[in-house]
């Protein structure tokens, strides 16, 4: 089976979880918007404002862990869904830590570009290492780290943790990260899920008020479909490459059993001894 057919098979078998990604994610977004409107005049309202984010986080972790497990093949050694969701929490925290570091770098790109421009020679300052060039290069590098490198590194670990908790098959993960088929899909997901929706809202609004409202609604719907679809594609492709690592020779983990012919192991005292051919003793004597 080819990689694309395997991808389509997994998506077809996980249609309920794919639909849940679209429906429940939208529901969580709407609940989050409603949560910002909750009053805090009474004790029960304050308790509700504290309880809603916790329930939303649990629901989101369960949704993502369930989707990752549905897209992957079950080898019979999975942990329970709740433990897989708890393992995801660590990778979410690592992702947000990387995001915070990149935000810190983003705030200092202007300063760094000016400093490097001032340290360059006069000719380089005017041609290659200009302030605009340096700022553009650093902004592009920060974008690549934020939307390609960091997700591309963390998503495989998250997909594996959702299935097996902290029993991570590092060989399979490293093979995936070194597989040339993985990174083009990560780049495609970043372009379709981040760059393209950003272009939807880049132009200036025009037309009547009703036309502008409908245009914004359609852009939001298209952006939502693209973002969630790219996320599902990334999870499904990671599941395909993890289960087909090393050309599909290793399934169910690095310690999977390999079938061998019966009786091919070492002989012991109770092993069956085959009779010697007739005349074997005489032939040996004559020799």
C-alpha atoms as a PDB file:
ATOM      1  CA  UNK A   1       0.000   0.000   0.000  1.00  0.00           C
ATOM      2  CA  UNK A   2       1.335   3.431  -0.959  1.00  0.00           C
ATOM      3  CA  UNK A   3       1.742   6.256   1.520  1.00  0.00           C
ATOM      4  CA  UNK A   4      -1.143   8.265   0.055  1.00  0.00           C
ATOM      5  CA  UNK A   5      -3.498   5.280   0.117  1.00  0.00           C
ATOM      6  CA  UNK A   6      -2.507   4.603   3.703  1.00  0.00           C
ATOM      7  CA  UNK A   7      -3.209   8.239   4.572  1.00  0.00           C
ATOM      8  CA  UNK A   8      -6.660   8.125   2.962  1.00  0.00           C
ATOM      9  CA  UNK A   9      -7.421   4.830   4.693  1.00  0.00           C
ATOM     10  CA  UNK A  10      -6.647   6.289   8.097  1.00  0.00           C
ATOM     11  CA  UNK A  11      -8.728   9.376   7.431  1.00  0.00           C
ATOM     12  CA  UNK A  12     -11.643   7.247   6.237  1.00  0.00           C
ATOM     13  CA  UNK A  13     -11.515   4.992   9.297  1.00  0.00           C
ATOM     14  CA  UNK A  14     -11.313   8.017  11.607  1.00  0.00           C
ATOM     15  CA  UNK A  15     -14.123  10.100  10.101  1.00  0.00           C
ATOM     16  CA  UNK A  16     -15.883  10.424  13.450  1.00  0.00           C
ATOM     17  CA  UNK A  17     -12.769  11.911  15.084  1.00  0.00           C
ATOM     18  CA  UNK A  18     -12.126  14.129  12.060  1.00  0.00           C
ATOM     19  CA  UNK A  19     -15.668  15.477  12.363  1.00  0.00           C
ATOM     20  CA  UNK A  20     -15.137  15.890  16.107  1.00  0.00           C
ATOM     21  CA  UNK A  21     -12.077  18.013  15.395  1.00  0.00           C
ATOM     22  CA  UNK A  22     -14.182  20.460  13.404  1.00  0.00           C
ATOM     23  CA  UNK A  23     -17.268  20.431  15.636  1.00  0.00           C
ATOM     24  CA  UNK A  24     -15.730  20.239  19.106  1.00  0.00           C
ATOM     25  CA  UNK A  25     -12.908  22.662  18.341  1.00  0.00           C
ATOM     26  CA  UNK A  26     -15.468  25.226  17.227  1.00  0.00           C
ATOM     27  CA  UNK A  27     -17.483  24.507  20.356  1.00  0.00           C
ATOM     28  CA  UNK A  28     -14.424  25.042  22.560  1.00  0.00           C
ATOM     29  CA  UNK A  29     -13.692  28.341  20.798  1.00  0.00           C
ATOM     30  CA  UNK A  30     -17.260  29.542  21.358  1.00  0.00           C
ATOM     31  CA  UNK A  31     -17.170  28.445  24.999  1.00  0.00           C
ATOM     32  CA  UNK A  32     -13.900  30.333  25.417  1.00  0.00           C
ATOM     33  CA  UNK A  33     -15.478  33.487  24.003  1.00  0.00           C
ATOM     34  CA  UNK A  34     -18.464  33.074  26.318  1.00  0.00           C
ATOM     35  CA  UNK A  35     -16.097  32.524  29.253  1.00  0.00           C
ATOM     36  CA  UNK A  36     -14.601  35.989  28.720  1.00  0.00           C
ATOM     37  CA  UNK A  37     -18.114  37.419  29.233  1.00  0.00           C
ATOM     38  CA  UNK A  38     -18.811  35.669  32.521  1.00  0.00           C
ATOM     39  CA  UNK A  39     -19.485  38.087  35.409  1.00  0.00           C
ATOM     40  CA  UNK A  40     -17.709  37.674  38.732  1.00  0.00           C
ATOM     41  CA  UNK A  41     -20.091  39.307  41.186  1.00  0.00           C
ATOM     42  CA  UNK A  42     -21.011  36.124  43.082  1.00  0.00           C
ATOM     43  CA  UNK A  43     -19.031  33.218  44.461  1.00  0.00           C
ATOM     44  CA  UNK A  44     -20.552  30.709  42.052  1.00  0.00           C
ATOM     45  CA  UNK A  45     -19.639  32.948  39.141  1.00  0.00           C
ATOM     46  CA  UNK A  46     -16.026  33.125  40.289  1.00  0.00           C
ATOM     47  CA  UNK A  47     -15.980  29.338  40.717  1.00  0.00           C
ATOM     48  CA  UNK A  48     -17.399  28.971  37.229  1.00  0.00           C
ATOM     49  CA  UNK A  49     -14.724  31.214  35.748  1.00  0.00           C
ATOM     50  CA  UNK A  50     -12.101  28.945  37.306  1.00  0.00           C
ATOM     51  CA  UNK A  51     -13.821  25.676  36.378  1.00  0.00           C
ATOM     52  CA  UNK A  52     -14.572  26.422  32.721  1.00  0.00           C
ATOM     53  CA  UNK A  53     -10.879  26.754  31.605  1.00  0.00           C
ATOM     54  CA  UNK A  54     -10.025  23.514  33.380  1.00  0.00           C
ATOM     55  CA  UNK A  55     -12.851  21.638  31.668  1.00  0.00           C
ATOM     56  CA  UNK A  56     -11.895  23.182  28.333  1.00  0.00           C
ATOM     57  CA  UNK A  57      -8.269  22.083  28.733  1.00  0.00           C
ATOM     58  CA  UNK A  58      -9.307  18.524  29.648  1.00  0.00           C
ATOM     59  CA  UNK A  59     -11.709  18.353  26.701  1.00  0.00           C
ATOM     60  CA  UNK A  60      -9.077  19.655  24.281  1.00  0.00           C
ATOM     61  CA  UNK A  61      -6.470  17.145  25.487  1.00  0.00           C
ATOM     62  CA  UNK A  62      -8.951  14.263  25.246  1.00  0.00           C
ATOM     63  CA  UNK A  63      -9.962  15.373  21.746  1.00  0.00           C
ATOM     64  CA  UNK A  64      -6.397  15.584  20.459  1.00  0.00           C
ATOM     65  CA  UNK A  65      -5.295  12.340  22.120  1.00  0.00           C
ATOM     66  CA  UNK A  66      -8.352  10.507  20.784  1.00  0.00           C
ATOM     67  CA  UNK A  67      -7.742  11.805  17.258  1.00  0.00           C
ATOM     68  CA  UNK A  68      -4.076  10.808  17.336  1.00  0.00           C
ATOM     69  CA  UNK A  69      -4.963   7.324  18.559  1.00  0.00           C
ATOM     70  CA  UNK A  70      -7.713   6.902  15.957  1.00  0.00           C
ATOM     71  CA  UNK A  71      -5.380   7.819  13.101  1.00  0.00           C
ATOM     72  CA  UNK A  72      -2.682   5.380  14.256  1.00  0.00           C
ATOM     73  CA  UNK A  73      -2.720   1.581  14.159  1.00  0.00           C
ATOM     74  CA  UNK A  74      -3.389  -0.123  17.479  1.00  0.00           C
ATOM     75  CA  UNK A  75      -0.580  -2.500  18.416  1.00  0.00           C
ATOM     76  CA  UNK A  76      -2.338  -3.722  21.566  1.00  0.00           C
ATOM     77  CA  UNK A  77       0.112  -2.029  23.953  1.00  0.00           C
ATOM     78  CA  UNK A  78      -1.511   1.371  24.271  1.00  0.00           C
ATOM     79  CA  UNK A  79      -2.074   3.149  27.535  1.00  0.00           C
ATOM     80  CA  UNK A  80      -5.536   4.370  28.465  1.00  0.00           C
ATOM     81  CA  UNK A  81      -6.855   7.496  26.801  1.00  0.00           C
ATOM     82  CA  UNK A  82      -6.647   9.527  30.000  1.00  0.00           C
ATOM     83  CA  UNK A  83      -2.950   8.727  30.421  1.00  0.00           C
ATOM     84  CA  UNK A  84      -2.268   9.571  26.787  1.00  0.00           C
ATOM     85  CA  UNK A  85      -4.018  12.909  27.253  1.00  0.00           C
ATOM     86  CA  UNK A  86      -1.976  13.626  30.385  1.00  0.00           C
ATOM     87  CA  UNK A  87       1.241  12.882  28.488  1.00  0.00           C
ATOM     88  CA  UNK A  88       0.186  15.412  25.839  1.00  0.00           C
ATOM     89  CA  UNK A  89       0.098  18.110  28.493  1.00  0.00           C
ATOM     90  CA  UNK A  90       3.898  18.050  28.763  1.00  0.00           C
ATOM     91  CA  UNK A  91       4.364  18.576  25.020  1.00  0.00           C
ATOM     92  CA  UNK A  92       1.804  21.385  25.044  1.00  0.00           C
ATOM     93  CA  UNK A  93       3.771  23.052  27.827  1.00  0.00           C
ATOM     94  CA  UNK A  94       7.014  22.602  25.862  1.00  0.00           C
ATOM     95  CA  UNK A  95       5.391  24.113  22.776  1.00  0.00           C
ATOM     96  CA  UNK A  96       4.191  27.179  24.676  1.00  0.00           C
ATOM     97  CA  UNK A  97       7.631  27.577  26.251  1.00  0.00           C
ATOM     98  CA  UNK A  98       9.180  27.620  22.765  1.00  0.00           C
ATOM     99  CA  UNK A  99       6.462  30.040  21.666  1.00  0.00           C
ATOM    100  CA  UNK A 100       7.321  32.389  24.545  1.00  0.00           C
ATOM    101  CA  UNK A 101      11.017  32.298  23.645  1.00  0.00           C
ATOM    102  CA  UNK A 102      10.194  33.093  20.013  1.00  0.00           C
ATOM    103  CA  UNK A 103       7.960  35.975  21.138  1.00  0.00           C
ATOM    104  CA  UNK A 104      10.900  37.319  23.127  1.00  0.00           C
ATOM    105  CA  UNK A 105      13.117  37.043  20.041  1.00  0.00           C
ATOM    106  CA  UNK A 106      10.472  38.673  17.875  1.00  0.00           C
ATOM    107  CA  UNK A 107      10.407  41.733  20.124  1.00  0.00           C
ATOM    108  CA  UNK A 108      14.180  42.156  19.724  1.00  0.00           C
ATOM    109  CA  UNK A 109      14.556  41.638  15.983  1.00  0.00           C
ATOM    110  CA  UNK A 110      14.603  45.407  15.423  1.00  0.00           C
ATOM    111  CA  UNK A 111      17.407  45.858  17.937  1.00  0.00           C
ATOM    112  CA  UNK A 112      19.419  42.921  16.629  1.00  0.00           C
ATOM    113  CA  UNK A 113      19.070  44.065  13.029  1.00  0.00           C
ATOM    114  CA  UNK A 114      20.298  47.536  13.949  1.00  0.00           C
ATOM    115  CA  UNK A 115      23.214  46.140  15.942  1.00  0.00           C
ATOM    116  CA  UNK A 116      24.372  43.776  13.177  1.00  0.00           C
ATOM    117  CA  UNK A 117      23.977  46.527  10.602  1.00  0.00           C
ATOM    118  CA  UNK A 118      26.155  48.829  12.668  1.00  0.00           C
ATOM    119  CA  UNK A 119      28.884  46.174  12.987  1.00  0.00           C
ATOM    120  CA  UNK A 120      29.074  45.488   9.243  1.00  0.00           C
ATOM    121  CA  UNK A 121      31.491  47.272   6.967  1.00  0.00           C
ATOM    122  CA  UNK A 122      30.425  50.372   5.099  1.00  0.00           C
ATOM    123  CA  UNK A 123      30.071  48.540   1.802  1.00  0.00           C
ATOM    124  CA  UNK A 124      28.146  45.633   3.335  1.00  0.00           C
ATOM    125  CA  UNK A 125      25.886  48.040   5.220  1.00  0.00           C
ATOM    126  CA  UNK A 126      24.873  49.657   1.964  1.00  0.00           C
ATOM    127  CA  UNK A 127      24.459  46.505  -0.156  1.00  0.00           C
ATOM    128  CA  UNK A 128      23.942  43.138   1.564  1.00  0.00           C
ATOM    129  CA  UNK A 129      23.660  43.628   5.318  1.00  0.00           C
ATOM    130  CA  UNK A 130      21.283  46.564   5.196  1.00  0.00           C
ATOM    131  CA  UNK A 131      18.887  47.128   8.063  1.00  0.00           C
ATOM    132  CA  UNK A 132      15.889  46.060   5.957  1.00  0.00           C
ATOM    133  CA  UNK A 133      17.606  42.898   4.751  1.00  0.00           C
ATOM    134  CA  UNK A 134      18.668  41.865   8.241  1.00  0.00           C
ATOM    135  CA  UNK A 135      15.215  42.498   9.675  1.00  0.00           C
ATOM    136  CA  UNK A 136      13.577  40.540   6.865  1.00  0.00           C
ATOM    137  CA  UNK A 137      15.961  37.583   7.258  1.00  0.00           C
ATOM    138  CA  UNK A 138      15.516  37.432  11.035  1.00  0.00           C
ATOM    139  CA  UNK A 139      11.736  37.691  10.730  1.00  0.00           C
ATOM    140  CA  UNK A 140      11.726  34.846   8.203  1.00  0.00           C
ATOM    141  CA  UNK A 141      13.986  32.715  10.415  1.00  0.00           C
ATOM    142  CA  UNK A 142      11.730  33.342  13.408  1.00  0.00           C
ATOM    143  CA  UNK A 143       8.659  32.392  11.341  1.00  0.00           C
ATOM    144  CA  UNK A 144      10.285  29.160  10.162  1.00  0.00           C
ATOM    145  CA  UNK A 145      11.196  28.242  13.728  1.00  0.00           C
ATOM    146  CA  UNK A 146       7.712  29.056  15.014  1.00  0.00           C
ATOM    147  CA  UNK A 147       5.581  27.343  12.363  1.00  0.00           C
ATOM    148  CA  UNK A 148       7.837  24.640  10.863  1.00  0.00           C
ATOM    149  CA  UNK A 149      10.751  23.573  13.079  1.00  0.00           C
ATOM    150  CA  UNK A 150       9.048  23.608  16.484  1.00  0.00           C
ATOM    151  CA  UNK A 151       5.788  21.890  15.376  1.00  0.00           C
ATOM    152  CA  UNK A 152       7.721  19.488  13.169  1.00  0.00           C
ATOM    153  CA  UNK A 153       9.826  18.406  16.143  1.00  0.00           C
ATOM    154  CA  UNK A 154       7.097  18.257  18.809  1.00  0.00           C
ATOM    155  CA  UNK A 155       4.157  16.725  16.896  1.00  0.00           C
ATOM    156  CA  UNK A 156       5.780  13.260  16.426  1.00  0.00           C
ATOM    157  CA  UNK A 157       6.541  13.028  20.143  1.00  0.00           C
ATOM    158  CA  UNK A 158       2.980  14.085  20.951  1.00  0.00           C
ATOM    159  CA  UNK A 159       1.479  11.496  18.585  1.00  0.00           C
ATOM    160  CA  UNK A 160       3.575   8.752  20.166  1.00  0.00           C
ATOM    161  CA  UNK A 161       2.825   9.874  23.741  1.00  0.00           C
ATOM    162  CA  UNK A 162      -0.924   9.848  23.041  1.00  0.00           C
ATOM    163  CA  UNK A 163      -0.611   6.122  22.316  1.00  0.00           C
ATOM    164  CA  UNK A 164       2.095   4.787  24.626  1.00  0.00           C
ATOM    165  CA  UNK A 165       2.502   7.453  27.296  1.00  0.00           C
ATOM    166  CA  UNK A 166       6.168   7.776  28.228  1.00  0.00           C
ATOM    167  CA  UNK A 167       7.264   4.525  26.619  1.00  0.00           C
ATOM    168  CA  UNK A 168       8.651   6.427  23.677  1.00  0.00           C
ATOM    169  CA  UNK A 169      10.163   4.474  20.733  1.00  0.00           C
ATOM    170  CA  UNK A 170      12.953   6.962  20.106  1.00  0.00           C
ATOM    171  CA  UNK A 171      14.285   5.077  17.075  1.00  0.00           C
ATOM    172  CA  UNK A 172      10.983   5.393  15.240  1.00  0.00           C
ATOM    173  CA  UNK A 173      10.691   9.071  16.144  1.00  0.00           C
ATOM    174  CA  UNK A 174      14.231   9.826  14.971  1.00  0.00           C
ATOM    175  CA  UNK A 175      13.612   7.930  11.735  1.00  0.00           C
ATOM    176  CA  UNK A 176      10.500  10.036  11.173  1.00  0.00           C
ATOM    177  CA  UNK A 177      12.361  13.281  11.837  1.00  0.00           C
ATOM    178  CA  UNK A 178      15.054  12.209   9.369  1.00  0.00           C
ATOM    179  CA  UNK A 179      12.535  11.063   6.777  1.00  0.00           C
ATOM    180  CA  UNK A 180      12.362  13.439   3.815  1.00  0.00           C
ATOM    181  CA  UNK A 181       8.626  12.741   3.463  1.00  0.00           C
ATOM    182  CA  UNK A 182       7.850  14.416   6.795  1.00  0.00           C
ATOM    183  CA  UNK A 183       9.132  17.946   6.376  1.00  0.00           C
ATOM    184  CA  UNK A 184       7.477  18.824   3.040  1.00  0.00           C
ATOM    185  CA  UNK A 185       4.090  18.090   4.630  1.00  0.00           C
ATOM    186  CA  UNK A 186       4.999  20.261   7.621  1.00  0.00           C
ATOM    187  CA  UNK A 187       5.917  23.095   5.241  1.00  0.00           C
ATOM    188  CA  UNK A 188       2.686  22.584   3.267  1.00  0.00           C
ATOM    189  CA  UNK A 189       0.614  22.651   6.460  1.00  0.00           C
ATOM    190  CA  UNK A 190       2.326  25.882   7.538  1.00  0.00           C
ATOM    191  CA  UNK A 191       1.701  27.532   4.170  1.00  0.00           C
ATOM    192  CA  UNK A 192      -1.943  26.458   3.915  1.00  0.00           C
ATOM    193  CA  UNK A 193      -2.812  26.822   7.595  1.00  0.00           C
ATOM    194  CA  UNK A 194      -0.908  30.004   8.452  1.00  0.00           C
ATOM    195  CA  UNK A 195       0.149  31.972   5.379  1.00  0.00           C
ATOM    196  CA  UNK A 196      -2.983  31.513   3.264  1.00  0.00           C
ATOM    197  CA  UNK A 197      -5.504  32.496   5.989  1.00  0.00           C
ATOM    198  CA  UNK A 198      -3.367  35.561   6.689  1.00  0.00           C
ATOM    199  CA  UNK A 199      -3.746  36.650   3.049  1.00  0.00           C
ATOM    200  CA  UNK A 200      -7.545  36.410   3.358  1.00  0.00           C
ATOM    201  CA  UNK A 201      -7.556  39.436   5.659  1.00  0.00           C
ATOM    202  CA  UNK A 202      -4.673  41.370   4.070  1.00  0.00           C
ATOM    203  CA  UNK A 203      -6.751  43.450   1.649  1.00  0.00           C
ATOM    204  CA  UNK A 204      -8.768  46.532   2.486  1.00  0.00           C
ATOM    205  CA  UNK A 205     -12.556  46.015   2.861  1.00  0.00           C
ATOM    206  CA  UNK A 206     -14.736  47.245   0.048  1.00  0.00           C
ATOM    207  CA  UNK A 207     -18.406  47.264  -0.944  1.00  0.00           C
ATOM    208  CA  UNK A 208     -21.473  47.688   1.210  1.00  0.00           C
ATOM    209  CA  UNK A 209     -21.667  46.888   4.885  1.00  0.00           C
ATOM    210  CA  UNK A 210     -23.620  43.699   4.201  1.00  0.00           C
ATOM    211  CA  UNK A 211     -21.057  42.630   1.613  1.00  0.00           C
ATOM    212  CA  UNK A 212     -18.195  43.232   4.026  1.00  0.00           C
ATOM    213  CA  UNK A 213     -19.926  41.226   6.769  1.00  0.00           C
ATOM    214  CA  UNK A 214     -20.486  38.257   4.468  1.00  0.00           C
ATOM    215  CA  UNK A 215     -16.923  38.508   3.203  1.00  0.00           C
ATOM    216  CA  UNK A 216     -15.552  38.376   6.748  1.00  0.00           C
ATOM    217  CA  UNK A 217     -17.794  35.425   7.625  1.00  0.00           C
ATOM    218  CA  UNK A 218     -16.700  33.466   4.560  1.00  0.00           C
ATOM    219  CA  UNK A 219     -13.047  34.258   5.248  1.00  0.00           C
ATOM    220  CA  UNK A 220     -13.399  33.061   8.830  1.00  0.00           C
ATOM    221  CA  UNK A 221     -15.080  29.834   7.712  1.00  0.00           C
ATOM    222  CA  UNK A 222     -12.431  29.188   5.050  1.00  0.00           C
ATOM    223  CA  UNK A 223      -9.626  29.935   7.523  1.00  0.00           C
ATOM    224  CA  UNK A 224     -11.126  27.600  10.108  1.00  0.00           C
ATOM    225  CA  UNK A 225     -11.508  24.769   7.584  1.00  0.00           C
ATOM    226  CA  UNK A 226      -7.934  25.215   6.376  1.00  0.00           C
ATOM    227  CA  UNK A 227      -6.363  25.428   9.846  1.00  0.00           C
ATOM    228  CA  UNK A 228      -8.163  22.391  11.282  1.00  0.00           C
ATOM    229  CA  UNK A 229      -7.690  20.442   8.044  1.00  0.00           C
ATOM    230  CA  UNK A 230      -3.943  21.083   8.024  1.00  0.00           C
ATOM    231  CA  UNK A 231      -3.719  20.001  11.659  1.00  0.00           C
ATOM    232  CA  UNK A 232      -5.544  16.735  10.907  1.00  0.00           C
ATOM    233  CA  UNK A 233      -3.340  16.176   7.850  1.00  0.00           C
ATOM    234  CA  UNK A 234      -0.218  16.651   9.963  1.00  0.00           C
ATOM    235  CA  UNK A 235      -1.405  14.161  12.597  1.00  0.00           C
ATOM    236  CA  UNK A 236      -2.433  11.589   9.981  1.00  0.00           C
ATOM    237  CA  UNK A 237       0.842  11.884   8.081  1.00  0.00           C
ATOM    238  CA  UNK A 238       2.814  11.477  11.307  1.00  0.00           C
ATOM    239  CA  UNK A 239       0.818   8.313  12.049  1.00  0.00           C
ATOM    240  CA  UNK A 240       1.545   6.970   8.547  1.00  0.00           C
ATOM    241  CA  UNK A 241       5.294   7.529   8.813  1.00  0.00           C
ATOM    242  CA  UNK A 242       5.525   6.204  12.362  1.00  0.00           C
ATOM    243  CA  UNK A 243       3.708   2.975  11.503  1.00  0.00           C
ATOM    244  CA  UNK A 244       5.606   2.555   8.233  1.00  0.00           C
ATOM    245  CA  UNK A 245       9.024   3.460   9.607  1.00  0.00           C
ATOM    246  CA  UNK A 246      11.969   1.647   8.091  1.00  0.00           C
ATOM    247  CA  UNK A 247       9.873   0.707   5.061  1.00  0.00           C
ATOM    248  CA  UNK A 248       7.152  -0.892   7.173  1.00  0.00           C
ATOM    249  CA  UNK A 249       9.479  -3.597   8.451  1.00  0.00           C
ATOM    250  CA  UNK A 250       8.965  -2.640  12.060  1.00  0.00           C
ATOM    251  CA  UNK A 251       5.432  -2.478  13.349  1.00  0.00           C
ATOM    252  CA  UNK A 252       4.250  -2.414  16.892  1.00  0.00           C
ATOM    253  CA  UNK A 253       7.480  -0.946  18.248  1.00  0.00           C
ATOM    254  CA  UNK A 254      11.153  -1.557  17.960  1.00  0.00           C
ATOM    255  CA  UNK A 255      10.918  -4.786  19.930  1.00  0.00           C
ATOM    256  CA  UNK A 256       8.344  -6.458  17.681  1.00  0.00           C
ATOM    257  CA  UNK A 257       8.681 -10.176  17.203  1.00  0.00           C
ATOM    258  CA  UNK A 258       9.963 -11.612  13.932  1.00  0.00           C
ATOM    259  CA  UNK A 259       8.471 -14.943  12.760  1.00  0.00           C
ATOM    260  CA  UNK A 260      11.045 -17.703  12.362  1.00  0.00           C
ATOM    261  CA  UNK A 261      10.741 -21.338  11.240  1.00  0.00           C
ATOM    262  CA  UNK A 262       9.796 -23.812  13.951  1.00  0.00           C
ATOM    263  CA  UNK A 263      12.757 -25.632  15.410  1.00  0.00           C
ATOM    264  CA  UNK A 264      15.290 -23.100  14.217  1.00  0.00           C
ATOM    265  CA  UNK A 265      16.493 -22.340  17.726  1.00  0.00           C
ATOM    266  CA  UNK A 266      19.493 -23.990  19.466  1.00  0.00           C
ATOM    267  CA  UNK A 267      19.233 -27.718  20.162  1.00  0.00           C
ATOM    268  CA  UNK A 268      19.184 -29.029  23.729  1.00  0.00           C
ATOM    269  CA  UNK A 269      19.321 -32.486  25.278  1.00  0.00           C
ATOM    270  CA  UNK A 270      15.604 -33.099  24.678  1.00  0.00           C
ATOM    271  CA  UNK A 271      15.699 -32.086  21.029  1.00  0.00           C
ATOM    272  CA  UNK A 272      14.679 -34.654  18.441  1.00  0.00           C
ATOM    273  CA  UNK A 273      17.713 -36.317  16.852  1.00  0.00           C
ATOM    274  CA  UNK A 274      17.399 -37.179  13.176  1.00  0.00           C
ATOM    275  CA  UNK A 275      18.573 -40.731  12.206  1.00  0.00           C
ATOM    276  CA  UNK A 276      21.774 -40.995  10.288  1.00  0.00           C
ATOM    277  CA  UNK A 277      21.633 -42.255   6.701  1.00  0.00           C
ATOM    278  CA  UNK A 278      22.059 -45.998   6.237  1.00  0.00           C
ATOM    279  CA  UNK A 279      25.620 -47.013   5.743  1.00  0.00           C
ATOM    280  CA  UNK A 280      26.876 -43.845   7.334  1.00  0.00           C
ATOM    281  CA  UNK A 281      28.915 -45.793   9.911  1.00  0.00           C
ATOM    282  CA  UNK A 282      30.551 -48.021   7.283  1.00  0.00           C
ATOM    283  CA  UNK A 283      31.370 -45.069   5.126  1.00  0.00           C
ATOM    284  CA  UNK A 284      32.999 -43.416   8.090  1.00  0.00           C
ATOM    285  CA  UNK A 285      34.947 -46.567   8.864  1.00  0.00           C
ATOM    286  CA  UNK A 286      36.165 -46.936   5.322  1.00  0.00           C
ATOM    287  CA  UNK A 287      37.319 -43.383   5.344  1.00  0.00           C
END
